[in-house]
Protein backbone atom coordinates (compact mmCIF):
# COMPACT_ATOMS: atom_id res chain seq x y z
CA UNK A 1 24.72 47.71 -11.92
CA UNK A 2 21.34 48.73 -10.17
CA UNK A 3 20.55 52.29 -10.21
CA UNK A 4 19.42 53.97 -7.00
CA UNK A 5 14.89 52.71 -7.28
CA UNK A 6 16.44 49.70 -7.35
CA UNK A 7 18.05 49.75 -4.14
CA UNK A 8 15.01 51.12 -2.99
CA UNK A 9 13.10 48.96 -3.82
CA UNK A 10 15.17 45.60 -2.69
CA UNK A 11 15.58 48.00 0.91
CA UNK A 12 11.77 47.80 1.08
CA UNK A 13 11.21 44.19 0.58
CA UNK A 14 14.37 43.73 2.77
CA UNK A 15 12.72 45.71 5.32
CA UNK A 16 9.25 44.14 5.08
CA UNK A 17 10.46 40.13 4.88
CA UNK A 18 13.51 40.32 7.43
CA UNK A 19 12.22 41.18 10.61
CA UNK A 20 8.71 38.31 10.14
CA UNK A 21 10.37 35.30 11.23
CA UNK A 22 11.52 37.48 14.62
CA UNK A 23 8.81 39.12 15.05
CA UNK A 24 6.43 35.43 15.18
CA UNK A 25 9.27 34.21 17.40
CA UNK A 26 8.78 36.81 19.78
CA UNK A 27 5.27 36.49 19.79
CA UNK A 28 3.83 33.22 20.51
CA UNK A 29 7.56 32.70 22.53
CA UNK A 30 7.38 35.98 24.93
CA UNK A 31 4.47 38.36 23.97
CA UNK A 32 1.78 36.87 23.72
CA UNK A 33 2.49 32.89 24.30
CA UNK A 34 -0.73 30.99 23.66
CA UNK A 35 -3.08 30.81 21.05
CA UNK A 36 -2.02 34.42 19.99
CA UNK A 37 0.97 34.26 19.58
CA UNK A 38 0.77 31.28 18.03
CA UNK A 39 -1.42 32.62 15.61
CA UNK A 40 0.83 35.49 15.41
CA UNK A 41 3.72 33.61 14.86
CA UNK A 42 1.37 30.85 11.66
CA UNK A 43 0.97 34.48 9.93
CA UNK A 44 4.19 35.53 9.68
CA UNK A 45 5.37 32.09 8.61
CA UNK A 46 2.63 32.75 5.74
CA UNK A 47 4.16 35.67 5.42
CA UNK A 48 7.79 34.64 4.47
CA UNK A 49 6.03 31.95 2.29
CA UNK A 50 4.05 34.34 0.27
CA UNK A 51 5.26 38.11 0.72
CA UNK A 52 8.07 36.61 -1.94
CA UNK A 53 6.17 35.45 -4.74
CA UNK A 54 3.54 38.75 -4.32
CA UNK A 55 6.47 40.97 -5.05
CA UNK A 56 8.11 38.94 -7.52
CA UNK A 57 5.21 38.73 -9.69
CA UNK A 58 3.37 42.47 -9.40
CA UNK A 59 6.79 44.24 -8.64
CA UNK A 60 9.30 43.02 -10.62
CA UNK A 61 6.76 41.69 -13.51
CA UNK A 62 7.94 38.36 -13.09
CA UNK A 63 5.81 35.18 -14.22
CA UNK A 64 5.77 32.53 -12.33
CA UNK A 65 6.44 29.36 -13.79
CA UNK A 66 6.73 25.63 -11.65
CA UNK A 67 9.00 22.37 -13.51
CA UNK A 68 9.20 19.16 -12.25
CA UNK A 69 12.93 18.01 -11.13
CA UNK A 70 14.97 16.02 -13.51
CA UNK A 71 16.48 12.56 -12.75
CA UNK A 72 19.14 13.43 -10.60
CA UNK A 73 17.85 16.55 -8.45
CA UNK A 74 15.40 13.61 -7.01
CA UNK A 75 18.27 11.54 -6.76
CA UNK A 76 19.49 14.23 -4.61
CA UNK A 77 17.09 15.83 -2.54
CA UNK A 78 16.40 11.39 -2.05
CA UNK A 79 19.99 10.65 -0.66
CA UNK A 80 19.63 14.29 1.20
CA UNK A 81 16.33 13.33 3.23
CA UNK A 82 17.38 9.42 3.38
CA UNK A 83 21.18 10.86 5.06
CA UNK A 84 19.17 13.49 7.61
CA UNK A 85 16.60 11.35 8.72
CA UNK A 86 18.85 8.59 9.94
CA UNK A 87 20.84 11.46 11.21
CA UNK A 88 18.17 12.54 13.29
CA UNK A 89 17.43 9.44 14.02
CA UNK A 90 20.03 8.24 15.97
CA UNK A 91 20.56 12.07 17.60
CA UNK A 92 16.97 11.40 19.33
CA UNK A 93 16.65 7.57 19.63
CA UNK A 94 20.00 6.63 20.17
CA UNK A 95 20.80 3.23 21.03
């Protein structure tokens, strides 16, 4: 089970990560529509990508590793991609 130090660091990570998406959307649509809002929205999206990686490397002290996908994983991804493309096409461009 997590000790109190781990709980505090997990709470800190969630506090820094979770509001970023909402802040970006609210800024882009309501607070500053236009180039400033779009810039803030993009920065929040970058934060959502970069922050977990940085946290994992610098706080959790884990080494980053990338592995190639297996044939079964590529097949599953391809099938889902084709199905979603078909659904999207017929949703937005009905005959």
